Amino acid sequence: MDFRAVVNNIKEIPNDSFLKLLHIVSEIRFPKGHLLFKAGAINNQVYFMSEGISRGYVDGEQNEITFAFFDEGKILVSIQSYVRGIAGYENIELLEDCTLFRLQKNDLEALYNSDIHLANWGRKLADISFVDTETQLISRQFKNTNDRYEEFVEAFPNILQRVKLKHIASYLGMTQVTLSRIRARDKRTSKNSP
């Protein structure tokens, strides 16, 4: 996914505003397994996934708890670090070799202050992130395992065959055994899962 498509996926902006944004973005590549963000560190970057998949997780008492997946076009940011300037709680692990677009917080904030179209684009980006977080929270709290799986398949159809089952089960708040049972009943699920 090219940078223009990533930007327009959030909200279309005029070409002169896009060129300002393009001036501060850098394209970078990291290998599978790279930790983009580490818990306990302050992160002042915003990333957008161009190619690849990553997951956000926290270290639980006995295991890692996956709370998000980020595929093509998604934003990767440590919200606590970005907004409050303090150490984040999350780890972001790349599950494939990835190409990302990186923006520095200071550069982005300067553009928000100087260009109303970019300020509105940033607000829309925050709105989307908030709605995604709320949707996931409601699903985890009030839906059964089958419904959570169905929502996951609809929201992330291209991730099922690219991510280990243990990460998907953790994200859905169920055991790997429960996920395997649900997938066995699902005719869409291929036998070739990671």
Protein backbone atom coordinates (compact mmCIF):
# COMPACT_ATOMS: atom_id res chain seq x y z
CA MET A 1 0.00 0.00 0.00
CA ASP A 2 1.50 3.33 -0.97
CA PHE A 3 1.54 6.33 1.36
CA ARG A 4 -1.15 8.23 -0.55
CA ALA A 5 -3.52 5.26 -0.19
CA VAL A 6 -2.76 5.04 3.54
CA VAL A 7 -3.51 8.76 4.00
CA ASN A 8 -6.69 8.69 1.88
CA ASN A 9 -7.90 5.59 3.71
CA ILE A 10 -8.18 7.80 6.80
CA LYS A 11 -9.43 11.01 5.15
CA GLU A 12 -8.72 12.59 1.80
CA ILE A 13 -6.69 15.78 1.97
CA PRO A 14 -5.72 18.36 -0.68
CA ASN A 15 -2.57 17.66 -2.67
CA ASP A 16 -0.59 20.55 -1.12
CA SER A 17 -1.34 19.18 2.37
CA PHE A 18 -0.34 15.70 1.26
CA LEU A 19 2.96 17.04 -0.09
CA LYS A 20 3.71 18.59 3.32
CA LEU A 21 3.06 15.22 4.95
CA LEU A 22 5.13 13.43 2.32
CA HIS A 23 8.05 15.74 3.14
CA ILE A 24 8.26 14.42 6.73
CA VAL A 25 7.61 10.71 6.16
CA SER A 26 10.28 8.05 5.76
CA GLU A 27 9.83 4.53 4.45
CA ILE A 28 11.61 1.86 6.48
CA ARG A 29 11.88 -1.93 6.49
CA PHE A 30 12.31 -4.28 9.41
CA PRO A 31 12.56 -8.10 9.55
CA LYS A 32 10.07 -10.51 11.04
CA GLY A 33 10.46 -10.65 14.83
CA HIS A 34 11.62 -7.04 15.21
CA LEU A 35 10.11 -5.21 18.20
CA LEU A 36 8.98 -1.84 16.88
CA PHE A 37 7.89 -0.66 20.34
CA LYS A 38 9.08 -2.10 23.65
CA ALA A 39 7.15 -1.89 26.91
CA GLY A 40 8.69 0.62 29.29
CA ALA A 41 10.10 2.86 26.54
CA ILE A 42 8.97 6.29 25.37
CA ASN A 43 8.08 6.25 21.67
CA ASN A 44 7.67 9.48 19.72
CA GLN A 45 7.01 7.95 16.33
CA VAL A 46 3.86 7.14 14.42
CA TYR A 47 4.02 4.28 11.92
CA PHE A 48 1.69 3.16 9.16
CA MET A 49 1.91 -0.38 7.84
CA SER A 50 2.62 -0.49 4.12
CA GLU A 51 3.30 -4.23 3.83
CA GLY A 52 3.21 -6.92 6.48
CA ILE A 53 1.50 -7.69 9.77
CA SER A 54 2.36 -6.96 13.38
CA ARG A 55 0.72 -7.50 16.73
CA GLY A 56 0.47 -5.48 19.89
CA TYR A 57 0.85 -7.38 23.14
CA VAL A 58 1.44 -6.90 26.82
CA ASP A 59 3.28 -9.24 29.15
CA GLY A 60 0.72 -10.93 31.39
CA GLU A 61 1.49 -12.76 34.60
CA GLN A 62 1.85 -16.11 32.86
CA ASN A 63 1.85 -15.29 29.14
CA GLU A 64 1.71 -12.61 26.49
CA ILE A 65 -1.70 -11.10 25.83
CA THR A 66 -2.27 -9.95 22.25
CA PHE A 67 -4.54 -6.91 22.12
CA ALA A 68 -4.23 -5.79 18.49
CA PHE A 69 -3.22 -6.75 14.97
CA PHE A 70 -1.96 -4.23 12.44
CA ASP A 71 -2.04 -5.07 8.76
CA GLU A 72 -1.69 -2.96 5.65
CA GLY A 73 -2.89 0.62 6.12
CA LYS A 74 -3.14 0.49 9.91
CA ILE A 75 -1.53 2.95 12.31
CA LEU A 76 0.98 1.78 14.91
CA VAL A 77 1.48 4.18 17.79
CA SER A 78 2.04 3.97 21.52
CA ILE A 79 -0.89 6.15 22.56
CA GLN A 80 0.33 6.65 26.12
CA SER A 81 3.77 7.72 24.90
CA TYR A 82 2.40 9.90 22.11
CA VAL A 83 -0.23 11.72 24.17
CA ARG A 84 1.34 11.82 27.64
CA GLY A 85 5.04 11.56 26.85
CA ILE A 86 5.54 8.64 29.25
CA ALA A 87 6.70 5.06 28.80
CA GLY A 88 4.29 2.81 26.93
CA TYR A 89 2.96 -0.47 28.24
CA GLU A 90 2.89 -2.32 24.94
CA ASN A 91 5.20 -4.30 22.72
CA ILE A 92 4.68 -4.19 18.95
CA GLU A 93 6.17 -7.26 17.26
CA LEU A 94 6.46 -7.65 13.50
CA LEU A 95 5.03 -11.02 12.46
CA GLU A 96 6.38 -10.76 8.90
CA ASP A 97 9.07 -8.76 7.16
CA CYS A 98 7.45 -5.31 7.10
CA THR A 99 7.62 -2.06 5.21
CA LEU A 100 6.37 0.91 7.21
CA PHE A 101 5.98 4.65 6.89
CA ARG A 102 7.39 6.56 9.88
CA LEU A 103 6.51 10.05 11.10
CA GLN A 104 8.08 11.85 14.05
CA LYS A 105 5.65 13.30 16.59
CA ASN A 106 7.22 16.79 16.58
CA ASP A 107 7.06 17.03 12.78
CA LEU A 108 3.47 15.82 12.69
CA GLU A 109 2.36 18.18 15.47
CA ALA A 110 3.95 21.12 13.63
CA LEU A 111 1.92 20.25 10.52
CA TYR A 112 -1.26 19.95 12.58
CA ASN A 113 -0.63 23.48 13.86
CA SER A 114 0.03 24.94 10.41
CA ASP A 115 -2.47 23.14 8.14
CA ILE A 116 -6.16 22.79 9.00
CA HIS A 117 -6.58 19.91 6.53
CA LEU A 118 -3.85 17.94 8.27
CA ALA A 119 -5.24 18.85 11.69
CA ASN A 120 -8.63 17.46 10.61
CA TRP A 121 -6.92 14.41 9.14
CA GLY A 122 -5.19 13.81 12.50
CA ARG A 123 -8.49 14.22 14.35
CA LYS A 124 -10.13 11.68 12.02
CA LEU A 125 -7.22 9.31 12.66
CA ALA A 126 -7.76 9.63 16.43
CA ASP A 127 -11.52 9.09 15.96
CA ILE A 128 -10.93 5.88 14.02
CA SER A 129 -8.51 4.59 16.67
CA PHE A 130 -10.99 5.37 19.44
CA VAL A 131 -13.87 3.60 17.69
CA ASP A 132 -11.70 0.54 16.95
CA THR A 133 -10.67 0.33 20.61
CA GLU A 134 -14.24 0.70 21.85
CA THR A 135 -15.51 -1.94 19.41
CA GLN A 136 -12.89 -4.41 20.61
CA LEU A 137 -13.66 -3.71 24.27
CA ILE A 138 -17.41 -4.21 23.80
CA SER A 139 -16.80 -7.42 21.87
CA ARG A 140 -14.54 -8.84 24.57
CA GLN A 141 -16.91 -7.94 27.38
CA PHE A 142 -20.29 -8.85 25.94
CA LYS A 143 -19.95 -11.37 23.11
CA ASN A 144 -19.47 -15.11 23.24
CA THR A 145 -16.49 -16.88 21.70
CA ASN A 146 -18.29 -17.75 18.44
CA ASP A 147 -19.43 -14.16 17.91
CA ARG A 148 -15.95 -12.80 18.68
CA TYR A 149 -14.47 -15.19 16.12
CA GLU A 150 -17.05 -14.17 13.49
CA GLU A 151 -16.26 -10.49 14.07
CA PHE A 152 -12.54 -11.24 13.78
CA VAL A 153 -13.00 -13.07 10.46
CA GLU A 154 -15.00 -10.14 9.09
CA ALA A 155 -12.57 -7.49 10.36
CA PHE A 156 -9.33 -9.33 9.51
CA PRO A 157 -10.00 -11.80 6.66
CA ASN A 158 -6.42 -11.60 5.41
CA ILE A 159 -4.84 -12.30 8.80
CA LEU A 160 -6.25 -15.76 9.52
CA GLN A 161 -3.73 -17.56 7.34
CA ARG A 162 -0.78 -15.32 8.24
CA VAL A 163 -0.78 -15.32 12.06
CA LYS A 164 -0.17 -18.10 14.58
CA LEU A 165 -3.30 -19.48 16.23
CA LYS A 166 -1.95 -18.75 19.71
CA HIS A 167 -1.87 -15.02 18.90
CA ILE A 168 -5.39 -15.06 17.46
CA ALA A 169 -6.70 -17.00 20.48
CA SER A 170 -5.06 -14.53 22.85
CA TYR A 171 -6.54 -11.59 20.93
CA LEU A 172 -10.01 -13.16 21.08
CA GLY A 173 -9.72 -13.91 24.79
CA MET A 174 -10.03 -17.68 24.45
CA THR A 175 -7.84 -20.74 24.66
CA GLN A 176 -6.18 -22.16 21.59
CA VAL A 177 -8.26 -25.34 22.04
CA THR A 178 -11.51 -23.32 21.93
CA LEU A 179 -10.33 -21.47 18.83
CA SER A 180 -9.41 -24.76 17.12
CA ARG A 181 -12.90 -26.14 17.81
CA ILE A 182 -14.55 -23.04 16.38
CA ARG A 183 -12.30 -23.12 13.31
CA ALA A 184 -13.02 -26.83 12.77
CA ARG A 185 -16.73 -25.96 12.43
CA ASP A 186 -15.99 -23.03 10.11
CA LYS A 187 -16.09 -24.03 6.45
CA ARG A 188 -14.12 -20.89 5.47
CA THR A 189 -11.08 -22.01 7.47
CA SER A 190 -8.37 -23.69 5.50
CA LYS A 191 -6.39 -26.61 6.89
CA ASN A 192 -3.17 -24.68 6.13
CA SER A 193 -3.00 -22.41 9.15
CA PRO A 194 0.23 -21.19 10.74
